[in-house]
Amino acid sequence: MKYTNLIKEDIIGPQTWIGQVIAVKQGKILLQDRSEKAWVEVGKHYRYIKEGEVLVLQVQKGVSILATHILKAKKIA
């Protein structure tokens, strides 16, 4: 899957981001792509996400950033 926007581009609306999880808090993750970091609301799914994982997120960006779909990237050995 390909990203549609970088966090730094600050575009409002639906988009796809690929990045690494830097921190996990209740209901949110801090995602870093190659441009910037952003807190993303993931709801109860935060329980299954670990720091260091690479995720593909479909997000809806407005006043806040809400993940609508979450995919974990698999490592290729």
PDB file of N, CA and C in Angstrom:
ATOM      1  N   MET A   1       0.840  -1.177   0.000  1.00  0.00           N
ATOM      2  CA  MET A   1       0.000   0.000   0.000  1.00  0.00           C
ATOM      3  C   MET A   1       0.888   1.244   0.000  1.00  0.00           C
ATOM      4  N   LYS A   2       0.431   2.272  -0.630  1.00  0.00           N
ATOM      5  CA  LYS A   2       1.197   3.495  -0.788  1.00  0.00           C
ATOM      6  C   LYS A   2       0.563   4.612   0.038  1.00  0.00           C
ATOM      7  N   TYR A   3       1.399   5.460   0.611  1.00  0.00           N
ATOM      8  CA  TYR A   3       0.850   6.603   1.345  1.00  0.00           C
ATOM      9  C   TYR A   3       0.355   7.638   0.346  1.00  0.00           C
ATOM     10  N   THR A   4      -0.624   8.430   0.772  1.00  0.00           N
ATOM     11  CA  THR A   4      -1.144   9.478  -0.096  1.00  0.00           C
ATOM     12  C   THR A   4      -0.631  10.848   0.316  1.00  0.00           C
ATOM     13  N   ASN A   5      -0.278  10.987   1.588  1.00  0.00           N
ATOM     14  CA  ASN A   5       0.202  12.265   2.088  1.00  0.00           C
ATOM     15  C   ASN A   5       1.209  12.043   3.199  1.00  0.00           C
ATOM     16  N   LEU A   6       2.047  13.045   3.414  1.00  0.00           N
ATOM     17  CA  LEU A   6       2.932  13.065   4.574  1.00  0.00           C
ATOM     18  C   LEU A   6       2.252  13.874   5.671  1.00  0.00           C
ATOM     19  N   ILE A   7       2.585  13.588   6.917  1.00  0.00           N
ATOM     20  CA  ILE A   7       2.016  14.326   8.044  1.00  0.00           C
ATOM     21  C   ILE A   7       2.281  15.827   7.885  1.00  0.00           C
ATOM     22  N   LYS A   8       3.486  16.171   7.499  1.00  0.00           N
ATOM     23  CA  LYS A   8       3.921  17.561   7.392  1.00  0.00           C
ATOM     24  C   LYS A   8       3.085  18.380   6.400  1.00  0.00           C
ATOM     25  N   GLU A   9       2.473  17.722   5.433  1.00  0.00           N
ATOM     26  CA  GLU A   9       1.707  18.433   4.409  1.00  0.00           C
ATOM     27  C   GLU A   9       0.462  19.118   4.965  1.00  0.00           C
ATOM     28  N   ASP A  10       0.023  18.704   6.144  1.00  0.00           N
ATOM     29  CA  ASP A  10      -1.077  19.360   6.857  1.00  0.00           C
ATOM     30  C   ASP A  10      -2.333  19.520   5.991  1.00  0.00           C
ATOM     31  N   ILE A  11      -2.719  18.434   5.308  1.00  0.00           N
ATOM     32  CA  ILE A  11      -3.908  18.434   4.463  1.00  0.00           C
ATOM     33  C   ILE A  11      -5.100  17.898   5.264  1.00  0.00           C
ATOM     34  N   ILE A  12      -6.239  18.543   5.126  1.00  0.00           N
ATOM     35  CA  ILE A  12      -7.460  18.137   5.814  1.00  0.00           C
ATOM     36  C   ILE A  12      -8.201  17.107   4.958  1.00  0.00           C
ATOM     37  N   GLY A  13      -8.805  16.108   5.624  1.00  0.00           N
ATOM     38  CA  GLY A  13      -9.597  15.105   4.921  1.00  0.00           C
ATOM     39  C   GLY A  13      -8.985  13.720   4.996  1.00  0.00           C
ATOM     40  N   PRO A  14      -9.540  12.758   4.243  1.00  0.00           N
ATOM     41  CA  PRO A  14      -9.063  11.377   4.284  1.00  0.00           C
ATOM     42  C   PRO A  14      -7.714  11.239   3.569  1.00  0.00           C
ATOM     43  N   GLN A  15      -6.860  10.402   4.142  1.00  0.00           N
ATOM     44  CA  GLN A  15      -5.537  10.150   3.564  1.00  0.00           C
ATOM     45  C   GLN A  15      -4.935   8.883   4.148  1.00  0.00           C
ATOM     46  N   THR A  16      -3.861   8.411   3.550  1.00  0.00           N
ATOM     47  CA  THR A  16      -3.160   7.215   4.021  1.00  0.00           C
ATOM     48  C   THR A  16      -1.752   7.605   4.435  1.00  0.00           C
ATOM     49  N   TRP A  17      -1.374   7.209   5.649  1.00  0.00           N
ATOM     50  CA  TRP A  17      -0.036   7.475   6.169  1.00  0.00           C
ATOM     51  C   TRP A  17       0.669   6.155   6.457  1.00  0.00           C
ATOM     52  N   ILE A  18       1.978   6.144   6.269  1.00  0.00           N
ATOM     53  CA  ILE A  18       2.822   5.018   6.671  1.00  0.00           C
ATOM     54  C   ILE A  18       3.867   5.580   7.619  1.00  0.00           C
ATOM     55  N   GLY A  19       4.004   4.962   8.794  1.00  0.00           N
ATOM     56  CA  GLY A  19       4.988   5.467   9.746  1.00  0.00           C
ATOM     57  C   GLY A  19       5.242   4.501  10.873  1.00  0.00           C
ATOM     58  N   GLN A  20       6.169   4.893  11.734  1.00  0.00           N
ATOM     59  CA  GLN A  20       6.566   4.080  12.881  1.00  0.00           C
ATOM     60  C   GLN A  20       5.937   4.635  14.145  1.00  0.00           C
ATOM     61  N   VAL A  21       5.492   3.739  15.012  1.00  0.00           N
ATOM     62  CA  VAL A  21       4.895   4.120  16.283  1.00  0.00           C
ATOM     63  C   VAL A  21       6.007   4.499  17.253  1.00  0.00           C
ATOM     64  N   ILE A  22       5.952   5.733  17.745  1.00  0.00           N
ATOM     65  CA  ILE A  22       6.962   6.242  18.674  1.00  0.00           C
ATOM     66  C   ILE A  22       6.501   6.104  20.117  1.00  0.00           C
ATOM     67  N   ALA A  23       5.197   6.253  20.362  1.00  0.00           N
ATOM     68  CA  ALA A  23       4.640   6.149  21.718  1.00  0.00           C
ATOM     69  C   ALA A  23       3.190   5.682  21.622  1.00  0.00           C
ATOM     70  N   VAL A  24       2.738   5.039  22.707  1.00  0.00           N
ATOM     71  CA  VAL A  24       1.359   4.569  22.790  1.00  0.00           C
ATOM     72  C   VAL A  24       0.780   5.053  24.118  1.00  0.00           C
ATOM     73  N   LYS A  25      -0.360   5.741  24.056  1.00  0.00           N
ATOM     74  CA  LYS A  25      -1.099   6.158  25.240  1.00  0.00           C
ATOM     75  C   LYS A  25      -2.508   5.623  25.100  1.00  0.00           C
ATOM     76  N   GLN A  26      -3.277   5.695  26.168  1.00  0.00           N
ATOM     77  CA  GLN A  26      -4.638   5.195  26.115  1.00  0.00           C
ATOM     78  C   GLN A  26      -5.435   5.893  25.011  1.00  0.00           C
ATOM     79  N   GLY A  27      -5.778   5.126  23.986  1.00  0.00           N
ATOM     80  CA  GLY A  27      -6.591   5.632  22.892  1.00  0.00           C
ATOM     81  C   GLY A  27      -5.845   6.358  21.794  1.00  0.00           C
ATOM     82  N   LYS A  28      -4.529   6.551  21.945  1.00  0.00           N
ATOM     83  CA  LYS A  28      -3.762   7.304  20.943  1.00  0.00           C
ATOM     84  C   LYS A  28      -2.392   6.691  20.708  1.00  0.00           C
ATOM     85  N   ILE A  29      -1.847   6.964  19.510  1.00  0.00           N
ATOM     86  CA  ILE A  29      -0.464   6.607  19.218  1.00  0.00           C
ATOM     87  C   ILE A  29       0.240   7.835  18.649  1.00  0.00           C
ATOM     88  N   LEU A  30       1.535   7.909  18.878  1.00  0.00           N
ATOM     89  CA  LEU A  30       2.354   8.953  18.263  1.00  0.00           C
ATOM     90  C   LEU A  30       3.037   8.296  17.074  1.00  0.00           C
ATOM     91  N   LEU A  31       2.687   8.755  15.877  1.00  0.00           N
ATOM     92  CA  LEU A  31       3.192   8.182  14.633  1.00  0.00           C
ATOM     93  C   LEU A  31       4.205   9.138  14.018  1.00  0.00           C
ATOM     94  N   GLN A  32       5.316   8.578  13.536  1.00  0.00           N
ATOM     95  CA  GLN A  32       6.336   9.380  12.864  1.00  0.00           C
ATOM     96  C   GLN A  32       6.531   8.841  11.458  1.00  0.00           C
ATOM     97  N   ASP A  33       6.367   9.731  10.463  1.00  0.00           N
ATOM     98  CA  ASP A  33       6.729   9.349   9.104  1.00  0.00           C
ATOM     99  C   ASP A  33       8.035  10.063   8.780  1.00  0.00           C
ATOM    100  N   ARG A  34       8.424  10.116   7.529  1.00  0.00           N
ATOM    101  CA  ARG A  34       9.727  10.717   7.203  1.00  0.00           C
ATOM    102  C   ARG A  34       9.712  12.238   7.281  1.00  0.00           C
ATOM    103  N   SER A  35       8.549  12.824   7.607  1.00  0.00           N
ATOM    104  CA  SER A  35       8.466  14.278   7.639  1.00  0.00           C
ATOM    105  C   SER A  35       8.225  14.857   9.026  1.00  0.00           C
ATOM    106  N   GLU A  36       7.460  14.170   9.874  1.00  0.00           N
ATOM    107  CA  GLU A  36       7.017  14.767  11.131  1.00  0.00           C
ATOM    108  C   GLU A  36       6.361  13.711  12.018  1.00  0.00           C
ATOM    109  N   LYS A  37       5.962  14.126  13.237  1.00  0.00           N
ATOM    110  CA  LYS A  37       5.233  13.258  14.168  1.00  0.00           C
ATOM    111  C   LYS A  37       3.831  13.825  14.373  1.00  0.00           C
ATOM    112  N   ALA A  38       2.868  12.927  14.677  1.00  0.00           N
ATOM    113  CA  ALA A  38       1.510  13.366  14.973  1.00  0.00           C
ATOM    114  C   ALA A  38       0.826  12.344  15.879  1.00  0.00           C
ATOM    115  N   TRP A  39      -0.001  12.855  16.802  1.00  0.00           N
ATOM    116  CA  TRP A  39      -0.836  11.981  17.625  1.00  0.00           C
ATOM    117  C   TRP A  39      -2.071  11.593  16.822  1.00  0.00           C
ATOM    118  N   VAL A  40      -2.367  10.297  16.810  1.00  0.00           N
ATOM    119  CA  VAL A  40      -3.501   9.766  16.053  1.00  0.00           C
ATOM    120  C   VAL A  40      -4.412   9.014  17.017  1.00  0.00           C
ATOM    121  N   GLU A  41      -5.699   9.321  16.983  1.00  0.00           N
ATOM    122  CA  GLU A  41      -6.675   8.614  17.812  1.00  0.00           C
ATOM    123  C   GLU A  41      -6.960   7.254  17.193  1.00  0.00           C
ATOM    124  N   VAL A  42      -6.761   6.191  17.994  1.00  0.00           N
ATOM    125  CA  VAL A  42      -6.987   4.824  17.507  1.00  0.00           C
ATOM    126  C   VAL A  42      -7.998   4.058  18.354  1.00  0.00           C
ATOM    127  N   GLY A  43      -8.567   4.713  19.351  1.00  0.00           N
ATOM    128  CA  GLY A  43      -9.565   4.063  20.208  1.00  0.00           C
ATOM    129  C   GLY A  43      -8.992   2.878  20.960  1.00  0.00           C
ATOM    130  N   LYS A  44      -9.813   1.845  21.105  1.00  0.00           N
ATOM    131  CA  LYS A  44      -9.407   0.661  21.876  1.00  0.00           C
ATOM    132  C   LYS A  44      -8.292  -0.143  21.210  1.00  0.00           C
ATOM    133  N   HIS A  45      -8.006   0.137  19.948  1.00  0.00           N
ATOM    134  CA  HIS A  45      -6.969  -0.611  19.221  1.00  0.00           C
ATOM    135  C   HIS A  45      -5.564  -0.345  19.762  1.00  0.00           C
ATOM    136  N   TYR A  46      -5.411   0.699  20.571  1.00  0.00           N
ATOM    137  CA  TYR A  46      -4.087   0.997  21.134  1.00  0.00           C
ATOM    138  C   TYR A  46      -3.535  -0.194  21.911  1.00  0.00           C
ATOM    139  N   ARG A  47      -4.409  -1.031  22.424  1.00  0.00           N
ATOM    140  CA  ARG A  47      -3.979  -2.208  23.219  1.00  0.00           C
ATOM    141  C   ARG A  47      -3.157  -3.197  22.392  1.00  0.00           C
ATOM    142  N   TYR A  48      -3.346  -3.187  21.079  1.00  0.00           N
ATOM    143  CA  TYR A  48      -2.697  -4.157  20.199  1.00  0.00           C
ATOM    144  C   TYR A  48      -1.531  -3.566  19.412  1.00  0.00           C
ATOM    145  N   ILE A  49      -1.195  -2.317  19.709  1.00  0.00           N
ATOM    146  CA  ILE A  49      -0.136  -1.630  18.991  1.00  0.00           C
ATOM    147  C   ILE A  49       1.050  -1.430  19.922  1.00  0.00           C
ATOM    148  N   LYS A  50       2.248  -1.694  19.408  1.00  0.00           N
ATOM    149  CA  LYS A  50       3.467  -1.578  20.219  1.00  0.00           C
ATOM    150  C   LYS A  50       4.400  -0.529  19.625  1.00  0.00           C
ATOM    151  N   GLU A  51       5.163   0.099  20.503  1.00  0.00           N
ATOM    152  CA  GLU A  51       6.184   1.045  20.051  1.00  0.00           C
ATOM    153  C   GLU A  51       7.152   0.338  19.113  1.00  0.00           C
ATOM    154  N   GLY A  52       7.551   1.013  18.054  1.00  0.00           N
ATOM    155  CA  GLY A  52       8.492   0.455  17.096  1.00  0.00           C
ATOM    156  C   GLY A  52       7.830  -0.191  15.884  1.00  0.00           C
ATOM    157  N   GLU A  53       6.538  -0.500  15.987  1.00  0.00           N
ATOM    158  CA  GLU A  53       5.844  -1.112  14.850  1.00  0.00           C
ATOM    159  C   GLU A  53       5.674  -0.101  13.721  1.00  0.00           C
ATOM    160  N   VAL A  54       5.681  -0.619  12.503  1.00  0.00           N
ATOM    161  CA  VAL A  54       5.405   0.198  11.327  1.00  0.00           C
ATOM    162  C   VAL A  54       3.962  -0.069  10.926  1.00  0.00           C
ATOM    163  N   LEU A  55       3.186   1.012  10.786  1.00  0.00           N
ATOM    164  CA  LEU A  55       1.768   0.896  10.470  1.00  0.00           C
ATOM    165  C   LEU A  55       1.414   1.635   9.194  1.00  0.00           C
ATOM    166  N   VAL A  56       0.396   1.136   8.525  1.00  0.00           N
ATOM    167  CA  VAL A  56      -0.245   1.844   7.425  1.00  0.00           C
ATOM    168  C   VAL A  56      -1.603   2.261   7.987  1.00  0.00           C
ATOM    169  N   LEU A  57      -1.847   3.560   8.042  1.00  0.00           N
ATOM    170  CA  LEU A  57      -3.088   4.076   8.613  1.00  0.00           C
ATOM    171  C   LEU A  57      -3.888   4.839   7.568  1.00  0.00           C
ATOM    172  N   GLN A  58      -5.152   4.548   7.497  1.00  0.00           N
ATOM    173  CA  GLN A  58      -6.063   5.425   6.761  1.00  0.00           C
ATOM    174  C   GLN A  58      -6.642   6.340   7.826  1.00  0.00           C
ATOM    175  N   VAL A  59      -6.457   7.626   7.657  1.00  0.00           N
ATOM    176  CA  VAL A  59      -6.876   8.586   8.671  1.00  0.00           C
ATOM    177  C   VAL A  59      -7.834   9.606   8.083  1.00  0.00           C
ATOM    178  N   GLN A  60      -8.628  10.170   8.979  1.00  0.00           N
ATOM    179  CA  GLN A  60      -9.479  11.315   8.660  1.00  0.00           C
ATOM    180  C   GLN A  60      -8.923  12.468   9.483  1.00  0.00           C
ATOM    181  N   LYS A  61      -8.359  13.455   8.793  1.00  0.00           N
ATOM    182  CA  LYS A  61      -7.720  14.569   9.488  1.00  0.00           C
ATOM    183  C   LYS A  61      -8.619  15.789   9.443  1.00  0.00           C
ATOM    184  N   GLY A  62      -8.895  16.323  10.621  1.00  0.00           N
ATOM    185  CA  GLY A  62      -9.673  17.548  10.776  1.00  0.00           C
ATOM    186  C   GLY A  62      -9.081  18.286  11.957  1.00  0.00           C
ATOM    187  N   VAL A  63      -9.917  18.652  12.920  1.00  0.00           N
ATOM    188  CA  VAL A  63      -9.431  19.264  14.157  1.00  0.00           C
ATOM    189  C   VAL A  63      -8.538  18.265  14.891  1.00  0.00           C
ATOM    190  N   SER A  64      -8.934  16.992  14.856  1.00  0.00           N
ATOM    191  CA  SER A  64      -8.110  15.910  15.388  1.00  0.00           C
ATOM    192  C   SER A  64      -7.822  14.935  14.249  1.00  0.00           C
ATOM    193  N   ILE A  65      -7.027  13.916  14.550  1.00  0.00           N
ATOM    194  CA  ILE A  65      -6.675  12.912  13.537  1.00  0.00           C
ATOM    195  C   ILE A  65      -7.194  11.565  14.024  1.00  0.00           C
ATOM    196  N   LEU A  66      -8.094  10.969  13.269  1.00  0.00           N
ATOM    197  CA  LEU A  66      -8.729   9.717  13.638  1.00  0.00           C
ATOM    198  C   LEU A  66      -8.362   8.633  12.635  1.00  0.00           C
ATOM    199  N   ALA A  67      -7.841   7.509  13.139  1.00  0.00           N
ATOM    200  CA  ALA A  67      -7.538   6.365  12.275  1.00  0.00           C
ATOM    201  C   ALA A  67      -8.834   5.635  11.958  1.00  0.00           C
ATOM    202  N   THR A  68      -9.113   5.448  10.666  1.00  0.00           N
ATOM    203  CA  THR A  68     -10.307   4.720  10.262  1.00  0.00           C
ATOM    204  C   THR A  68      -9.991   3.270   9.905  1.00  0.00           C
ATOM    205  N   HIS A  69      -8.747   2.979   9.492  1.00  0.00           N
ATOM    206  CA  HIS A  69      -8.266   1.620   9.242  1.00  0.00           C
ATOM    207  C   HIS A  69      -6.799   1.550   9.662  1.00  0.00           C
ATOM    208  N   ILE A  70      -6.425   0.424  10.259  1.00  0.00           N
ATOM    209  CA  ILE A  70      -5.061   0.235  10.732  1.00  0.00           C
ATOM    210  C   ILE A  70      -4.534  -1.086  10.189  1.00  0.00           C
ATOM    211  N   LEU A  71      -3.393  -1.053   9.513  1.00  0.00           N
ATOM    212  CA  LEU A  71      -2.736  -2.260   9.028  1.00  0.00           C
ATOM    213  C   LEU A  71      -1.311  -2.275   9.561  1.00  0.00           C
ATOM    214  N   LYS A  72      -0.871  -3.434  10.027  1.00  0.00           N
ATOM    215  CA  LYS A  72       0.511  -3.566  10.463  1.00  0.00           C
ATOM    216  C   LYS A  72       1.351  -4.016   9.276  1.00  0.00           C
ATOM    217  N   ALA A  73       2.471  -3.330   9.088  1.00  0.00           N
ATOM    218  CA  ALA A  73       3.396  -3.712   8.017  1.00  0.00           C
ATOM    219  C   ALA A  73       4.171  -4.941   8.477  1.00  0.00           C
ATOM    220  N   LYS A  74       4.361  -5.893   7.580  1.00  0.00           N
ATOM    221  CA  LYS A  74       5.116  -7.097   7.918  1.00  0.00           C
ATOM    222  C   LYS A  74       6.554  -6.924   7.487  1.00  0.00           C
ATOM    223  N   LYS A  75       7.450  -7.426   8.326  1.00  0.00           N
ATOM    224  CA  LYS A  75       8.872  -7.393   7.994  1.00  0.00           C
ATOM    225  C   LYS A  75       9.183  -8.472   6.990  1.00  0.00           C
ATOM    226  N   ILE A  76       9.990  -8.151   6.019  1.00  0.00           N
ATOM    227  CA  ILE A  76      10.414  -9.142   5.028  1.00  0.00           C
ATOM    228  C   ILE A  76      11.822  -9.594   5.401  1.00  0.00           C
ATOM    229  N   ALA A  77      11.969 -10.871   5.618  1.00  0.00           N
ATOM    230  CA  ALA A  77      13.283 -11.397   6.049  1.00  0.00           C
ATOM    231  C   ALA A  77      14.178 -11.648   4.878  1.00  0.00           C
TER     232      ALA A  77
END
